[in-house]
Amino acid sequence: MEIVGCCGMDCGSCEVRRATERNDMETLSKMAVAEEIRGGRSFILPSKMRCTGCTEPGAKSVACAGCKVRMCALQNGIPHCGFCEEFPCDLGDAIWEALPEYKKNLERIRSR
């Protein structure tokens, strides 16, 4: 993993992040439609999908910009939940239940 998100996501393998790096608006458009369907949101501009990774400077996607886990990590001055004394906590439970590999990523980093 080259970039680990606050929740444990492997941002390096994120298609939105890779499309942002390539400035691939076609892929970002497809991802925007998928996010609309998944999140029940109305029209999302492809430019709002751009993301450099939640711990990196630059754009944040619609999903990552308002992430409560990301906000908590930033407020606590840590790069991700793996550095938090309270890990795992209720704030990330919904994410880790849906995507257990994210929690495993953080546990792996934490055990080093």
N, C-alpha and C. Protein backbone atom coordinates (compact mmCIF):
# COMPACT_ATOMS: atom_id res chain seq x y z
N MET A 1 0.84 -1.18 0.00
CA MET A 1 0.00 0.00 0.00
C MET A 1 0.88 1.24 0.00
N GLU A 2 0.67 2.09 -0.96
CA GLU A 2 1.49 3.29 -0.98
C GLU A 2 0.87 4.42 -0.16
N ILE A 3 -0.45 4.52 -0.14
CA ILE A 3 -1.12 5.55 0.64
C ILE A 3 -2.29 4.89 1.38
N VAL A 4 -2.29 5.00 2.70
CA VAL A 4 -3.37 4.45 3.50
C VAL A 4 -4.26 5.58 3.96
N GLY A 5 -5.55 5.44 3.68
CA GLY A 5 -6.52 6.44 4.11
C GLY A 5 -6.74 6.37 5.62
N CYS A 6 -7.37 7.38 6.16
CA CYS A 6 -7.63 7.45 7.60
C CYS A 6 -8.38 6.23 8.10
N CYS A 7 -9.28 5.68 7.29
CA CYS A 7 -10.10 4.53 7.68
C CYS A 7 -9.41 3.20 7.39
N GLY A 8 -8.27 3.24 6.72
CA GLY A 8 -7.55 2.01 6.36
C GLY A 8 -7.68 1.64 4.90
N MET A 9 -8.39 2.45 4.14
CA MET A 9 -8.52 2.19 2.71
C MET A 9 -7.15 2.27 2.04
N ASP A 10 -6.92 1.40 1.08
CA ASP A 10 -5.70 1.45 0.28
C ASP A 10 -5.94 2.46 -0.83
N CYS A 11 -5.64 3.73 -0.55
CA CYS A 11 -5.89 4.80 -1.51
C CYS A 11 -5.07 4.60 -2.79
N GLY A 12 -3.96 3.90 -2.69
CA GLY A 12 -3.14 3.64 -3.86
C GLY A 12 -3.84 2.79 -4.89
N SER A 13 -4.81 1.99 -4.46
CA SER A 13 -5.54 1.14 -5.41
C SER A 13 -6.90 1.72 -5.78
N CYS A 14 -7.22 2.90 -5.27
CA CYS A 14 -8.52 3.54 -5.53
C CYS A 14 -8.58 4.05 -6.97
N GLU A 15 -9.59 3.61 -7.69
CA GLU A 15 -9.75 4.01 -9.10
C GLU A 15 -9.98 5.51 -9.23
N VAL A 16 -10.69 6.11 -8.29
CA VAL A 16 -10.92 7.56 -8.33
C VAL A 16 -9.59 8.30 -8.21
N ARG A 17 -8.77 7.88 -7.28
CA ARG A 17 -7.45 8.53 -7.10
C ARG A 17 -6.59 8.36 -8.34
N ARG A 18 -6.57 7.15 -8.90
CA ARG A 18 -5.75 6.91 -10.09
C ARG A 18 -6.27 7.72 -11.28
N ALA A 19 -7.60 7.83 -11.42
CA ALA A 19 -8.17 8.64 -12.50
C ALA A 19 -7.84 10.11 -12.29
N THR A 20 -7.81 10.56 -11.04
CA THR A 20 -7.43 11.94 -10.75
C THR A 20 -6.00 12.20 -11.20
N GLU A 21 -5.10 11.27 -10.88
CA GLU A 21 -3.69 11.42 -11.29
C GLU A 21 -3.55 11.49 -12.80
N ARG A 22 -4.37 10.72 -13.52
CA ARG A 22 -4.31 10.69 -14.99
C ARG A 22 -5.12 11.79 -15.64
N ASN A 23 -5.87 12.55 -14.82
CA ASN A 23 -6.82 13.54 -15.32
C ASN A 23 -7.81 12.89 -16.30
N ASP A 24 -8.28 11.71 -15.94
CA ASP A 24 -9.16 10.89 -16.76
C ASP A 24 -10.62 11.22 -16.43
N MET A 25 -11.16 12.22 -17.11
CA MET A 25 -12.51 12.69 -16.84
C MET A 25 -13.57 11.66 -17.21
N GLU A 26 -13.30 10.81 -18.17
CA GLU A 26 -14.26 9.76 -18.54
C GLU A 26 -14.49 8.80 -17.36
N THR A 27 -13.40 8.35 -16.76
CA THR A 27 -13.51 7.45 -15.61
C THR A 27 -14.14 8.17 -14.43
N LEU A 28 -13.76 9.41 -14.19
CA LEU A 28 -14.35 10.18 -13.09
C LEU A 28 -15.85 10.37 -13.31
N SER A 29 -16.28 10.53 -14.56
CA SER A 29 -17.71 10.64 -14.87
C SER A 29 -18.44 9.35 -14.51
N LYS A 30 -17.85 8.22 -14.87
CA LYS A 30 -18.46 6.92 -14.55
C LYS A 30 -18.53 6.73 -13.03
N MET A 31 -17.48 7.11 -12.34
CA MET A 31 -17.45 6.97 -10.89
C MET A 31 -18.47 7.90 -10.23
N ALA A 32 -18.69 9.07 -10.82
CA ALA A 32 -19.69 10.00 -10.29
C ALA A 32 -21.08 9.40 -10.39
N VAL A 33 -21.38 8.78 -11.52
CA VAL A 33 -22.69 8.13 -11.70
C VAL A 33 -22.85 7.00 -10.69
N ALA A 34 -21.81 6.20 -10.50
CA ALA A 34 -21.86 5.10 -9.53
C ALA A 34 -22.10 5.64 -8.12
N GLU A 35 -21.45 6.73 -7.78
CA GLU A 35 -21.63 7.34 -6.45
C GLU A 35 -23.04 7.87 -6.29
N GLU A 36 -23.60 8.45 -7.36
CA GLU A 36 -24.98 8.94 -7.31
C GLU A 36 -25.93 7.79 -7.00
N ILE A 37 -25.75 6.68 -7.68
CA ILE A 37 -26.61 5.52 -7.49
C ILE A 37 -26.44 4.95 -6.09
N ARG A 38 -25.20 4.78 -5.66
CA ARG A 38 -24.91 4.19 -4.36
C ARG A 38 -25.40 5.08 -3.22
N GLY A 39 -25.18 6.37 -3.36
CA GLY A 39 -25.50 7.29 -2.26
C GLY A 39 -26.85 7.94 -2.35
N GLY A 40 -27.59 7.68 -3.42
CA GLY A 40 -28.90 8.29 -3.57
C GLY A 40 -28.84 9.80 -3.74
N ARG A 41 -27.71 10.30 -4.21
CA ARG A 41 -27.55 11.74 -4.40
C ARG A 41 -28.00 12.13 -5.80
N SER A 42 -28.27 13.42 -5.96
CA SER A 42 -28.57 13.92 -7.29
C SER A 42 -27.26 14.14 -8.04
N PHE A 43 -27.31 14.71 -9.17
CA PHE A 43 -26.18 14.85 -10.08
C PHE A 43 -24.90 15.30 -9.39
N ILE A 44 -23.84 14.52 -9.59
CA ILE A 44 -22.51 14.85 -9.05
C ILE A 44 -21.59 15.15 -10.22
N LEU A 45 -20.99 16.32 -10.23
CA LEU A 45 -20.05 16.66 -11.27
C LEU A 45 -18.80 15.78 -11.17
N PRO A 46 -18.28 15.32 -12.30
CA PRO A 46 -17.05 14.51 -12.27
C PRO A 46 -15.90 15.22 -11.54
N SER A 47 -15.85 16.55 -11.64
CA SER A 47 -14.78 17.29 -10.95
C SER A 47 -14.88 17.15 -9.44
N LYS A 48 -16.08 16.85 -8.91
CA LYS A 48 -16.28 16.66 -7.48
C LYS A 48 -15.84 15.26 -7.03
N MET A 49 -15.48 14.41 -7.98
CA MET A 49 -15.00 13.07 -7.66
C MET A 49 -13.49 13.05 -7.50
N ARG A 50 -12.81 14.08 -7.98
CA ARG A 50 -11.35 14.10 -7.90
C ARG A 50 -10.90 13.87 -6.46
N CYS A 51 -9.84 13.04 -6.31
CA CYS A 51 -9.33 12.76 -4.97
C CYS A 51 -7.86 12.39 -5.07
N THR A 52 -7.07 12.98 -4.20
CA THR A 52 -5.64 12.69 -4.14
C THR A 52 -5.31 11.74 -2.99
N GLY A 53 -6.34 11.31 -2.26
CA GLY A 53 -6.16 10.48 -1.07
C GLY A 53 -6.41 11.34 0.15
N CYS A 54 -7.05 10.79 1.14
CA CYS A 54 -7.50 11.64 2.25
C CYS A 54 -6.37 12.18 3.13
N THR A 55 -5.20 11.57 3.07
CA THR A 55 -4.10 12.08 3.89
C THR A 55 -3.11 12.92 3.09
N GLU A 56 -3.37 13.05 1.80
CA GLU A 56 -2.49 13.81 0.91
C GLU A 56 -3.09 15.18 0.63
N PRO A 57 -2.26 16.18 0.35
CA PRO A 57 -2.79 17.49 -0.02
C PRO A 57 -3.55 17.39 -1.35
N GLY A 58 -4.50 18.25 -1.54
CA GLY A 58 -5.22 18.30 -2.81
C GLY A 58 -6.68 17.95 -2.65
N ALA A 59 -7.31 17.66 -3.78
CA ALA A 59 -8.75 17.42 -3.86
C ALA A 59 -9.18 16.19 -3.08
N LYS A 60 -10.41 16.24 -2.58
CA LYS A 60 -11.03 15.12 -1.88
C LYS A 60 -12.36 14.82 -2.57
N SER A 61 -12.62 13.55 -2.79
CA SER A 61 -13.87 13.16 -3.45
C SER A 61 -15.06 13.47 -2.55
N VAL A 62 -16.24 13.41 -3.13
CA VAL A 62 -17.48 13.63 -2.39
C VAL A 62 -17.53 12.70 -1.18
N ALA A 63 -17.15 11.44 -1.37
CA ALA A 63 -17.20 10.46 -0.29
C ALA A 63 -16.16 10.74 0.80
N CYS A 64 -14.98 11.16 0.42
CA CYS A 64 -13.89 11.34 1.39
C CYS A 64 -13.91 12.70 2.06
N ALA A 65 -14.38 13.72 1.39
CA ALA A 65 -14.33 15.08 1.93
C ALA A 65 -15.06 15.20 3.26
N GLY A 66 -16.23 14.61 3.37
CA GLY A 66 -17.01 14.74 4.59
C GLY A 66 -16.94 13.53 5.51
N CYS A 67 -15.99 12.67 5.30
CA CYS A 67 -15.87 11.43 6.09
C CYS A 67 -15.58 11.75 7.55
N LYS A 68 -16.42 11.24 8.45
CA LYS A 68 -16.26 11.51 9.88
C LYS A 68 -14.98 10.88 10.44
N VAL A 69 -14.60 9.74 9.90
CA VAL A 69 -13.35 9.09 10.35
C VAL A 69 -12.16 9.97 9.97
N ARG A 70 -12.18 10.49 8.74
CA ARG A 70 -11.11 11.38 8.28
C ARG A 70 -11.04 12.64 9.15
N MET A 71 -12.21 13.24 9.43
CA MET A 71 -12.26 14.45 10.26
C MET A 71 -11.70 14.18 11.65
N CYS A 72 -12.03 13.04 12.22
CA CYS A 72 -11.53 12.68 13.55
C CYS A 72 -10.00 12.55 13.54
N ALA A 73 -9.48 11.84 12.54
CA ALA A 73 -8.02 11.66 12.45
C ALA A 73 -7.33 13.02 12.30
N LEU A 74 -7.86 13.88 11.45
CA LEU A 74 -7.27 15.20 11.25
C LEU A 74 -7.31 16.01 12.55
N GLN A 75 -8.44 15.97 13.25
CA GLN A 75 -8.57 16.72 14.51
C GLN A 75 -7.60 16.22 15.57
N ASN A 76 -7.28 14.92 15.51
CA ASN A 76 -6.37 14.32 16.48
C ASN A 76 -4.92 14.33 16.01
N GLY A 77 -4.68 14.88 14.82
CA GLY A 77 -3.32 15.02 14.31
C GLY A 77 -2.64 13.70 13.98
N ILE A 78 -3.42 12.71 13.58
CA ILE A 78 -2.85 11.40 13.21
C ILE A 78 -3.18 11.10 11.75
N PRO A 79 -2.31 10.35 11.06
CA PRO A 79 -2.54 10.07 9.65
C PRO A 79 -3.67 9.09 9.39
N HIS A 80 -3.94 8.20 10.33
CA HIS A 80 -5.05 7.26 10.19
C HIS A 80 -5.36 6.62 11.54
N CYS A 81 -6.46 5.89 11.58
CA CYS A 81 -6.96 5.32 12.84
C CYS A 81 -5.99 4.34 13.49
N GLY A 82 -5.10 3.78 12.74
CA GLY A 82 -4.12 2.85 13.30
C GLY A 82 -3.24 3.47 14.37
N PHE A 83 -3.14 4.79 14.38
CA PHE A 83 -2.34 5.49 15.37
C PHE A 83 -3.15 5.95 16.58
N CYS A 84 -4.43 5.68 16.56
CA CYS A 84 -5.32 6.16 17.62
C CYS A 84 -5.35 5.16 18.78
N GLU A 85 -5.27 5.68 20.00
CA GLU A 85 -5.32 4.83 21.20
C GLU A 85 -6.68 4.16 21.34
N GLU A 86 -7.73 4.76 20.77
CA GLU A 86 -9.09 4.23 20.89
C GLU A 86 -9.47 3.28 19.75
N PHE A 87 -8.54 2.98 18.86
CA PHE A 87 -8.82 2.07 17.74
C PHE A 87 -9.02 0.66 18.25
N PRO A 88 -10.03 -0.04 17.75
CA PRO A 88 -11.13 0.40 16.91
C PRO A 88 -12.21 1.09 17.75
N CYS A 89 -12.92 2.01 17.14
CA CYS A 89 -13.96 2.74 17.86
C CYS A 89 -15.28 2.69 17.08
N ASP A 90 -16.32 3.19 17.72
CA ASP A 90 -17.65 3.18 17.11
C ASP A 90 -17.71 4.00 15.83
N LEU A 91 -16.89 5.03 15.73
CA LEU A 91 -16.93 5.91 14.56
C LEU A 91 -16.62 5.15 13.28
N GLY A 92 -15.69 4.22 13.33
CA GLY A 92 -15.31 3.47 12.13
C GLY A 92 -16.01 2.14 11.96
N ASP A 93 -16.80 1.73 12.96
CA ASP A 93 -17.42 0.40 12.92
C ASP A 93 -18.22 0.13 11.65
N ALA A 94 -19.01 1.09 11.19
CA ALA A 94 -19.83 0.87 10.00
C ALA A 94 -18.96 0.64 8.77
N ILE A 95 -17.89 1.40 8.66
CA ILE A 95 -16.97 1.24 7.53
C ILE A 95 -16.30 -0.13 7.61
N TRP A 96 -15.78 -0.47 8.78
CA TRP A 96 -15.02 -1.71 8.94
C TRP A 96 -15.91 -2.94 8.84
N GLU A 97 -17.19 -2.79 9.17
CA GLU A 97 -18.12 -3.91 9.01
C GLU A 97 -18.37 -4.16 7.52
N ALA A 98 -18.55 -3.09 6.78
CA ALA A 98 -18.79 -3.21 5.34
C ALA A 98 -17.53 -3.57 4.56
N LEU A 99 -16.38 -3.07 5.03
CA LEU A 99 -15.11 -3.27 4.34
C LEU A 99 -14.05 -3.73 5.33
N PRO A 100 -14.13 -4.99 5.77
CA PRO A 100 -13.21 -5.47 6.81
C PRO A 100 -11.74 -5.40 6.44
N GLU A 101 -11.44 -5.38 5.15
CA GLU A 101 -10.03 -5.27 4.74
C GLU A 101 -9.41 -3.94 5.18
N TYR A 102 -10.22 -2.89 5.31
CA TYR A 102 -9.71 -1.60 5.77
C TYR A 102 -9.21 -1.73 7.22
N LYS A 103 -10.00 -2.39 8.05
CA LYS A 103 -9.61 -2.58 9.45
C LYS A 103 -8.37 -3.46 9.53
N LYS A 104 -8.29 -4.48 8.69
CA LYS A 104 -7.12 -5.36 8.67
C LYS A 104 -5.87 -4.59 8.27
N ASN A 105 -6.01 -3.66 7.32
CA ASN A 105 -4.88 -2.82 6.93
C ASN A 105 -4.36 -2.02 8.12
N LEU A 106 -5.28 -1.43 8.88
CA LEU A 106 -4.88 -0.65 10.05
C LEU A 106 -4.26 -1.53 11.14
N GLU A 107 -4.83 -2.70 11.34
CA GLU A 107 -4.27 -3.63 12.34
C GLU A 107 -2.86 -4.06 11.96
N ARG A 108 -2.65 -4.30 10.67
CA ARG A 108 -1.33 -4.70 10.18
C ARG A 108 -0.30 -3.58 10.42
N ILE A 109 -0.69 -2.36 10.11
CA ILE A 109 0.21 -1.21 10.32
C ILE A 109 0.45 -1.01 11.82
N ARG A 110 -0.58 -1.15 12.60
CA ARG A 110 -0.50 -0.93 14.05
C ARG A 110 0.44 -1.94 14.72
N SER A 111 0.50 -3.15 14.18
CA SER A 111 1.30 -4.20 14.80
C SER A 111 2.79 -4.09 14.49
N ARG A 112 3.16 -3.18 13.62
CA ARG A 112 4.59 -3.02 13.25
C ARG A 112 5.38 -2.40 14.36
